[in-house]
């Protein structure tokens, strides 16, 4: 194959056109797949929201997503994972403060500090929401 400078002008333009067409097609395909995913997830979100609204406002015992068979296990699993997350954050902090490990501890980067703060806030918020659900659910639905 001749060096790049020896290629005729038309061949170089053709190679450039082919490359642009290939990458352009890939970019459009990626954009379309993102659009399809967004529309699909939006529809699923509407389905969940509508079923929750119907179940929450319907008279009598809850049906669908709002029934105790789903609600209580979700609350338990969410609470357990939030508690484990807080336990791991506490243990990491305890180990970092240990005097025996002081020589090998590097300061946390801004990104690591931000991640720890997000973990802490979301875990505490999850536990507060679970407590609010457990306290307020009997008031509105007269059931556990």
N, C-alpha and C. Protein backbone atom coordinates (compact mmCIF):
# COMPACT_ATOMS: atom_id res chain seq x y z
N UNK A 1 0.86 -1.18 0.00
CA UNK A 1 0.00 0.00 0.00
C UNK A 1 0.90 1.23 0.00
N UNK A 2 0.63 2.18 -0.84
CA UNK A 2 1.49 3.36 -0.93
C UNK A 2 1.33 4.24 0.30
N UNK A 3 2.37 5.02 0.64
CA UNK A 3 2.25 5.94 1.78
C UNK A 3 1.11 6.91 1.58
N UNK A 4 0.66 7.55 2.68
CA UNK A 4 -0.50 8.42 2.67
C UNK A 4 -0.36 9.54 1.66
N UNK A 5 0.84 10.08 1.50
CA UNK A 5 1.05 11.18 0.57
C UNK A 5 0.91 10.76 -0.88
N UNK A 6 1.09 9.46 -1.19
CA UNK A 6 1.02 8.99 -2.57
C UNK A 6 -0.38 8.61 -3.00
N UNK A 7 -1.37 8.63 -2.09
CA UNK A 7 -2.74 8.27 -2.46
C UNK A 7 -3.35 9.37 -3.30
N UNK A 8 -4.12 8.97 -4.28
CA UNK A 8 -4.82 10.00 -5.07
C UNK A 8 -5.81 10.75 -4.18
N UNK A 9 -6.10 11.97 -4.55
CA UNK A 9 -7.01 12.84 -3.78
C UNK A 9 -8.37 12.18 -3.60
N UNK A 10 -8.90 11.56 -4.62
CA UNK A 10 -10.24 10.95 -4.56
C UNK A 10 -10.27 9.81 -3.55
N UNK A 11 -9.18 9.02 -3.44
CA UNK A 11 -9.13 7.90 -2.49
C UNK A 11 -9.12 8.43 -1.07
N UNK A 12 -8.35 9.52 -0.81
CA UNK A 12 -8.32 10.09 0.53
C UNK A 12 -9.69 10.64 0.93
N UNK A 13 -10.38 11.30 -0.01
CA UNK A 13 -11.72 11.82 0.26
C UNK A 13 -12.68 10.68 0.51
N UNK A 14 -12.55 9.60 -0.25
CA UNK A 14 -13.41 8.43 -0.09
C UNK A 14 -13.19 7.79 1.29
N UNK A 15 -11.93 7.66 1.72
CA UNK A 15 -11.63 7.09 3.04
C UNK A 15 -12.21 7.97 4.14
N UNK A 16 -12.07 9.28 4.00
CA UNK A 16 -12.62 10.21 4.98
C UNK A 16 -14.14 10.11 5.03
N UNK A 17 -14.77 10.04 3.85
CA UNK A 17 -16.23 9.92 3.80
C UNK A 17 -16.69 8.63 4.46
N UNK A 18 -15.99 7.53 4.20
CA UNK A 18 -16.35 6.25 4.79
C UNK A 18 -16.20 6.30 6.31
N UNK A 19 -15.12 6.90 6.78
CA UNK A 19 -14.90 7.00 8.22
C UNK A 19 -15.98 7.86 8.88
N UNK A 20 -16.27 9.01 8.29
CA UNK A 20 -17.31 9.88 8.85
C UNK A 20 -18.66 9.21 8.83
N UNK A 21 -18.96 8.51 7.76
CA UNK A 21 -20.24 7.80 7.66
C UNK A 21 -20.34 6.71 8.71
N UNK A 22 -19.25 5.97 8.92
CA UNK A 22 -19.26 4.90 9.91
C UNK A 22 -19.46 5.44 11.31
N UNK A 23 -18.68 6.44 11.70
CA UNK A 23 -18.80 7.01 13.03
C UNK A 23 -20.12 7.74 13.22
N UNK A 24 -20.59 8.39 12.16
CA UNK A 24 -21.89 9.07 12.22
C UNK A 24 -23.02 8.07 12.43
N UNK A 25 -22.94 6.95 11.73
CA UNK A 25 -23.96 5.91 11.89
C UNK A 25 -23.93 5.35 13.31
N UNK A 26 -22.73 5.13 13.82
CA UNK A 26 -22.61 4.61 15.18
C UNK A 26 -23.18 5.61 16.19
N UNK A 27 -22.88 6.90 16.01
CA UNK A 27 -23.39 7.92 16.92
C UNK A 27 -24.92 7.99 16.86
N UNK A 28 -25.49 7.93 15.67
CA UNK A 28 -26.96 7.96 15.54
C UNK A 28 -27.60 6.72 16.15
N UNK A 29 -26.96 5.56 15.96
CA UNK A 29 -27.49 4.33 16.55
C UNK A 29 -27.47 4.42 18.08
N UNK A 30 -26.39 4.98 18.63
CA UNK A 30 -26.30 5.14 20.09
C UNK A 30 -27.38 6.10 20.58
N UNK A 31 -27.58 7.20 19.85
CA UNK A 31 -28.60 8.17 20.25
C UNK A 31 -29.99 7.54 20.19
N UNK A 32 -30.24 6.76 19.16
CA UNK A 32 -31.55 6.10 19.05
C UNK A 32 -31.76 5.09 20.17
N UNK A 33 -30.72 4.35 20.52
CA UNK A 33 -30.88 3.37 21.60
C UNK A 33 -31.13 4.07 22.93
N UNK A 34 -30.48 5.21 23.15
CA UNK A 34 -30.75 5.97 24.37
C UNK A 34 -32.18 6.47 24.40
N UNK A 35 -32.66 6.92 23.24
CA UNK A 35 -34.03 7.40 23.15
C UNK A 35 -35.02 6.27 23.43
N UNK A 36 -34.77 5.11 22.85
CA UNK A 36 -35.66 3.96 23.06
C UNK A 36 -35.64 3.56 24.54
N UNK A 37 -34.45 3.55 25.16
CA UNK A 37 -34.36 3.20 26.57
C UNK A 37 -35.11 4.21 27.43
N UNK A 38 -34.97 5.49 27.12
CA UNK A 38 -35.65 6.53 27.90
C UNK A 38 -37.16 6.39 27.78
N UNK A 39 -37.65 6.15 26.58
CA UNK A 39 -39.09 6.00 26.38
C UNK A 39 -39.60 4.75 27.10
N UNK A 40 -38.84 3.66 27.00
CA UNK A 40 -39.24 2.43 27.66
C UNK A 40 -39.28 2.57 29.17
N UNK A 41 -38.23 3.19 29.74
CA UNK A 41 -38.19 3.39 31.19
C UNK A 41 -39.27 4.36 31.64
N UNK A 42 -39.56 5.36 30.82
CA UNK A 42 -40.60 6.31 31.15
C UNK A 42 -41.95 5.60 31.23
N UNK A 43 -42.21 4.73 30.28
CA UNK A 43 -43.46 3.97 30.29
C UNK A 43 -43.55 3.06 31.50
N UNK A 44 -42.45 2.43 31.86
CA UNK A 44 -42.43 1.55 33.02
C UNK A 44 -42.66 2.37 34.30
N UNK A 45 -42.04 3.56 34.37
CA UNK A 45 -42.22 4.43 35.54
C UNK A 45 -43.68 4.85 35.67
N UNK A 46 -44.30 5.18 34.54
CA UNK A 46 -45.72 5.58 34.56
C UNK A 46 -46.58 4.40 35.02
N UNK A 47 -46.25 3.20 34.55
CA UNK A 47 -47.01 2.00 34.96
C UNK A 47 -46.91 1.79 36.47
N UNK A 48 -45.70 1.89 37.01
CA UNK A 48 -45.53 1.70 38.46
C UNK A 48 -46.26 2.81 39.22
N UNK A 49 -46.11 4.04 38.77
CA UNK A 49 -46.76 5.16 39.45
C UNK A 49 -48.27 5.05 39.42
N UNK A 50 -48.82 4.67 38.26
CA UNK A 50 -50.26 4.55 38.13
C UNK A 50 -50.79 3.42 39.01
N UNK A 51 -50.09 2.28 39.02
CA UNK A 51 -50.56 1.17 39.84
C UNK A 51 -50.46 1.51 41.33
N UNK A 52 -49.42 2.24 41.72
CA UNK A 52 -49.29 2.65 43.12
C UNK A 52 -50.39 3.62 43.50
N UNK A 53 -50.70 4.54 42.60
CA UNK A 53 -51.75 5.52 42.88
C UNK A 53 -53.10 4.83 43.01
N UNK A 54 -53.40 3.91 42.12
CA UNK A 54 -54.67 3.20 42.18
C UNK A 54 -54.74 2.37 43.46
N UNK A 55 -53.65 1.68 43.78
CA UNK A 55 -53.65 0.84 44.98
C UNK A 55 -53.76 1.67 46.25
N UNK A 56 -53.12 2.83 46.27
CA UNK A 56 -53.14 3.66 47.48
C UNK A 56 -54.49 4.33 47.68
N UNK A 57 -55.19 4.66 46.60
CA UNK A 57 -56.46 5.37 46.74
C UNK A 57 -57.66 4.44 46.76
N UNK A 58 -57.48 3.19 46.42
CA UNK A 58 -58.61 2.25 46.40
C UNK A 58 -59.06 1.95 47.82
N UNK A 59 -60.35 1.79 47.99
CA UNK A 59 -60.87 1.45 49.30
C UNK A 59 -60.60 -0.01 49.61
N UNK A 60 -60.57 -0.33 50.88
CA UNK A 60 -60.35 -1.71 51.29
C UNK A 60 -58.87 -2.04 51.35
N UNK A 61 -58.57 -3.34 51.45
CA UNK A 61 -57.17 -3.74 51.57
C UNK A 61 -56.39 -3.39 50.30
N UNK A 62 -55.11 -3.14 50.48
CA UNK A 62 -54.26 -2.74 49.35
C UNK A 62 -54.03 -3.90 48.40
N UNK A 63 -53.92 -3.57 47.12
CA UNK A 63 -53.67 -4.56 46.08
C UNK A 63 -52.46 -4.12 45.27
N UNK A 64 -51.86 -5.04 44.52
CA UNK A 64 -50.77 -4.68 43.62
C UNK A 64 -49.49 -4.35 44.36
N UNK A 65 -48.82 -3.29 43.91
CA UNK A 65 -47.52 -2.90 44.45
C UNK A 65 -47.60 -2.49 45.91
N UNK A 66 -48.75 -2.09 46.37
CA UNK A 66 -48.88 -1.51 47.70
C UNK A 66 -49.21 -2.54 48.77
N UNK A 67 -49.41 -3.76 48.40
CA UNK A 67 -49.81 -4.76 49.39
C UNK A 67 -48.64 -5.10 50.32
N UNK A 68 -48.98 -5.59 51.49
CA UNK A 68 -47.98 -5.88 52.52
C UNK A 68 -46.97 -6.93 52.09
N UNK A 69 -47.37 -7.86 51.23
CA UNK A 69 -46.46 -8.90 50.77
C UNK A 69 -45.27 -8.34 50.02
N UNK A 70 -45.41 -7.20 49.39
CA UNK A 70 -44.29 -6.53 48.72
C UNK A 70 -43.72 -5.41 49.56
N UNK A 71 -44.57 -4.65 50.19
CA UNK A 71 -44.14 -3.44 50.91
C UNK A 71 -43.22 -3.78 52.08
N UNK A 72 -43.58 -4.73 52.90
CA UNK A 72 -42.79 -5.05 54.08
C UNK A 72 -41.42 -5.64 53.72
N UNK A 73 -41.32 -6.60 52.79
CA UNK A 73 -39.97 -7.06 52.42
C UNK A 73 -39.10 -5.95 51.83
N UNK A 74 -39.69 -5.05 51.04
CA UNK A 74 -38.90 -3.93 50.50
C UNK A 74 -38.39 -3.04 51.63
N UNK A 75 -39.24 -2.78 52.62
CA UNK A 75 -38.83 -1.96 53.75
C UNK A 75 -37.71 -2.64 54.54
N UNK A 76 -37.85 -3.93 54.76
CA UNK A 76 -36.83 -4.68 55.52
C UNK A 76 -35.51 -4.69 54.77
N UNK A 77 -35.55 -5.03 53.48
CA UNK A 77 -34.31 -5.09 52.69
C UNK A 77 -33.66 -3.71 52.61
N UNK A 78 -34.45 -2.68 52.38
CA UNK A 78 -33.91 -1.32 52.33
C UNK A 78 -33.29 -0.91 53.65
N UNK A 79 -33.95 -1.24 54.75
CA UNK A 79 -33.43 -0.92 56.07
C UNK A 79 -32.15 -1.69 56.39
N UNK A 80 -32.12 -2.96 56.03
CA UNK A 80 -30.92 -3.77 56.28
C UNK A 80 -29.73 -3.22 55.49
N UNK A 81 -29.95 -2.93 54.21
CA UNK A 81 -28.84 -2.42 53.40
C UNK A 81 -28.39 -1.03 53.86
N UNK A 82 -29.31 -0.18 54.26
CA UNK A 82 -28.92 1.13 54.78
C UNK A 82 -28.14 0.97 56.08
N UNK A 83 -28.57 0.06 56.94
CA UNK A 83 -27.85 -0.19 58.18
C UNK A 83 -26.46 -0.75 57.93
N UNK A 84 -26.34 -1.70 57.00
CA UNK A 84 -25.03 -2.25 56.65
C UNK A 84 -24.13 -1.16 56.10
N UNK A 85 -24.68 -0.30 55.27
CA UNK A 85 -23.91 0.79 54.70
C UNK A 85 -23.38 1.71 55.80
N UNK A 86 -24.23 2.07 56.76
CA UNK A 86 -23.79 2.91 57.87
C UNK A 86 -22.76 2.19 58.74
N UNK A 87 -22.94 0.90 58.95
CA UNK A 87 -21.97 0.12 59.72
C UNK A 87 -20.61 0.10 59.03
N UNK A 88 -20.61 -0.08 57.72
CA UNK A 88 -19.34 -0.10 56.98
C UNK A 88 -18.66 1.27 57.00
N UNK A 89 -19.44 2.33 56.89
CA UNK A 89 -18.86 3.67 56.97
C UNK A 89 -18.25 3.91 58.35
N UNK A 90 -18.95 3.51 59.40
CA UNK A 90 -18.44 3.67 60.76
C UNK A 90 -17.16 2.86 60.96
N UNK A 91 -17.15 1.61 60.47
CA UNK A 91 -15.99 0.75 60.63
C UNK A 91 -14.78 1.31 59.87
N UNK A 92 -15.00 1.82 58.68
CA UNK A 92 -13.91 2.42 57.92
C UNK A 92 -13.34 3.62 58.67
N UNK A 93 -14.22 4.44 59.20
CA UNK A 93 -13.77 5.61 59.96
C UNK A 93 -13.01 5.18 61.21
N UNK A 94 -13.49 4.16 61.90
CA UNK A 94 -12.82 3.65 63.10
C UNK A 94 -11.43 3.13 62.77
N UNK A 95 -11.32 2.38 61.66
CA UNK A 95 -10.02 1.85 61.26
C UNK A 95 -9.05 2.95 60.84
N UNK A 96 -9.58 3.99 60.20
CA UNK A 96 -8.71 5.10 59.78
C UNK A 96 -8.18 5.88 60.98
N UNK A 97 -8.96 5.93 62.05
CA UNK A 97 -8.54 6.67 63.25
C UNK A 97 -7.65 5.85 64.17
N UNK A 98 -7.49 4.56 63.91
CA UNK A 98 -6.65 3.71 64.73
C UNK A 98 -5.20 4.17 64.64
N UNK A 99 -4.54 4.34 65.79
CA UNK A 99 -3.17 4.86 65.79
C UNK A 99 -2.19 3.89 65.13
N UNK A 100 -2.47 2.58 65.16
CA UNK A 100 -1.57 1.62 64.55
C UNK A 100 -1.55 1.72 63.03
N UNK A 101 -2.60 2.25 62.45
CA UNK A 101 -2.65 2.36 60.99
C UNK A 101 -2.35 3.77 60.49
N UNK A 102 -1.97 4.66 61.38
CA UNK A 102 -1.75 6.06 61.00
C UNK A 102 -0.63 6.21 59.97
N UNK A 103 0.38 5.37 60.01
CA UNK A 103 1.52 5.52 59.11
C UNK A 103 1.18 5.19 57.66
N UNK A 104 0.15 4.39 57.42
CA UNK A 104 -0.16 3.99 56.05
C UNK A 104 -1.42 4.65 55.48
N UNK A 105 -2.05 5.48 56.25
CA UNK A 105 -3.30 6.12 55.82
C UNK A 105 -2.98 7.33 54.95
N UNK A 106 -3.59 7.35 53.78
CA UNK A 106 -3.50 8.52 52.90
C UNK A 106 -4.75 9.36 53.10
N UNK A 107 -4.63 10.67 52.98
CA UNK A 107 -5.83 11.50 53.11
C UNK A 107 -6.82 11.18 51.99
N UNK A 108 -8.10 11.31 52.31
CA UNK A 108 -9.14 11.06 51.33
C UNK A 108 -9.14 12.16 50.28
N UNK A 109 -9.38 11.77 49.02
CA UNK A 109 -9.49 12.77 47.97
C UNK A 109 -10.87 13.42 48.06
N UNK A 110 -11.06 14.50 47.32
CA UNK A 110 -12.36 15.18 47.32
C UNK A 110 -13.46 14.24 46.82
N UNK A 111 -13.14 13.45 45.80
CA UNK A 111 -14.13 12.52 45.27
C UNK A 111 -14.50 11.46 46.31
N UNK A 112 -13.53 10.95 47.04
CA UNK A 112 -13.82 9.96 48.08
C UNK A 112 -14.65 10.57 49.20
N UNK A 113 -14.33 11.80 49.60
CA UNK A 113 -15.12 12.48 50.62
C UNK A 113 -16.55 12.70 50.16
N UNK A 114 -16.71 13.10 48.89
CA UNK A 114 -18.05 13.32 48.34
C UNK A 114 -18.84 12.01 48.32
N UNK A 115 -18.20 10.92 47.91
CA UNK A 115 -18.88 9.62 47.87
C UNK A 115 -19.31 9.18 49.27
N UNK A 116 -18.43 9.37 50.25
CA UNK A 116 -18.77 9.01 51.63
C UNK A 116 -19.96 9.83 52.13
N UNK A 117 -19.98 11.11 51.80
CA UNK A 117 -21.07 11.98 52.23
C UNK A 117 -22.39 11.54 51.56
N UNK A 118 -22.32 11.20 50.29
CA UNK A 118 -23.52 10.74 49.58
C UNK A 118 -24.02 9.44 50.20
N UNK A 119 -23.11 8.52 50.51
CA UNK A 119 -23.51 7.26 51.15
C UNK A 119 -24.15 7.52 52.50
N UNK A 120 -23.56 8.40 53.27
CA UNK A 120 -24.10 8.69 54.59
C UNK A 120 -25.49 9.32 54.50
N UNK A 121 -25.62 10.33 53.64
CA UNK A 121 -26.90 11.04 53.51
C UNK A 121 -27.99 10.11 52.99
N UNK A 122 -27.69 9.33 51.95
CA UNK A 122 -28.72 8.46 51.39
C UNK A 122 -29.11 7.34 52.36
N UNK A 123 -28.16 6.84 53.12
CA UNK A 123 -28.50 5.79 54.10
C UNK A 123 -29.38 6.33 55.22
N UNK A 124 -29.01 7.49 55.74
CA UNK A 124 -29.82 8.10 56.79
C UNK A 124 -31.20 8.47 56.26
N UNK A 125 -31.24 9.03 55.06
CA UNK A 125 -32.52 9.38 54.44
C UNK A 125 -33.39 8.14 54.23
N UNK A 126 -32.78 7.03 53.79
CA UNK A 126 -33.54 5.79 53.62
C UNK A 126 -34.14 5.32 54.94
N UNK A 127 -33.34 5.38 56.01
CA UNK A 127 -33.86 4.95 57.31
C UNK A 127 -34.97 5.88 57.81
N UNK A 128 -34.83 7.18 57.56
CA UNK A 128 -35.89 8.12 57.95
C UNK A 128 -37.18 7.86 57.16
N UNK A 129 -37.05 7.60 55.87
CA UNK A 129 -38.24 7.30 55.05
C UNK A 129 -38.90 6.00 55.48
N UNK A 130 -38.09 5.01 55.83
CA UNK A 130 -38.65 3.74 56.30
C UNK A 130 -39.40 3.96 57.62
N UNK A 131 -38.79 4.75 58.51
CA UNK A 131 -39.47 5.04 59.79
C UNK A 131 -40.77 5.79 59.55
N UNK A 132 -40.75 6.76 58.63
CA UNK A 132 -41.97 7.51 58.32
C UNK A 132 -43.04 6.59 57.74
N UNK A 133 -42.66 5.67 56.89
CA UNK A 133 -43.62 4.74 56.29
C UNK A 133 -44.22 3.83 57.37
N UNK A 134 -43.38 3.31 58.24
CA UNK A 134 -43.86 2.41 59.29
C UNK A 134 -44.80 3.14 60.25
N UNK A 135 -44.49 4.39 60.55
CA UNK A 135 -45.32 5.16 61.49
C UNK A 135 -46.62 5.62 60.83
N UNK A 136 -46.54 6.12 59.59
CA UNK A 136 -47.70 6.76 58.96
C UNK A 136 -48.62 5.80 58.21
N UNK A 137 -48.13 4.65 57.80
CA UNK A 137 -48.96 3.72 57.03
C UNK A 137 -50.22 3.30 57.81
N UNK A 138 -50.11 2.95 59.08
CA UNK A 138 -51.33 2.57 59.81
C UNK A 138 -52.34 3.72 59.93
N UNK A 139 -51.86 4.96 59.96
CA UNK A 139 -52.77 6.10 60.06
C UNK A 139 -53.65 6.22 58.83
N UNK A 140 -53.09 5.98 57.65
CA UNK A 140 -53.83 6.15 56.40
C UNK A 140 -54.59 4.92 55.96
N UNK A 141 -54.05 3.74 56.25
CA UNK A 141 -54.64 2.51 55.71
C UNK A 141 -55.19 1.59 56.78
N UNK A 142 -55.04 1.94 58.04
CA UNK A 142 -55.56 1.16 59.16
C UNK A 142 -55.11 -0.30 59.09
N UNK A 143 -53.88 -0.51 58.71
CA UNK A 143 -53.27 -1.84 58.69
C UNK A 143 -51.79 -1.67 58.90
N UNK A 144 -51.09 -2.75 59.23
CA UNK A 144 -49.65 -2.69 59.46
C UNK A 144 -48.99 -2.32 58.23
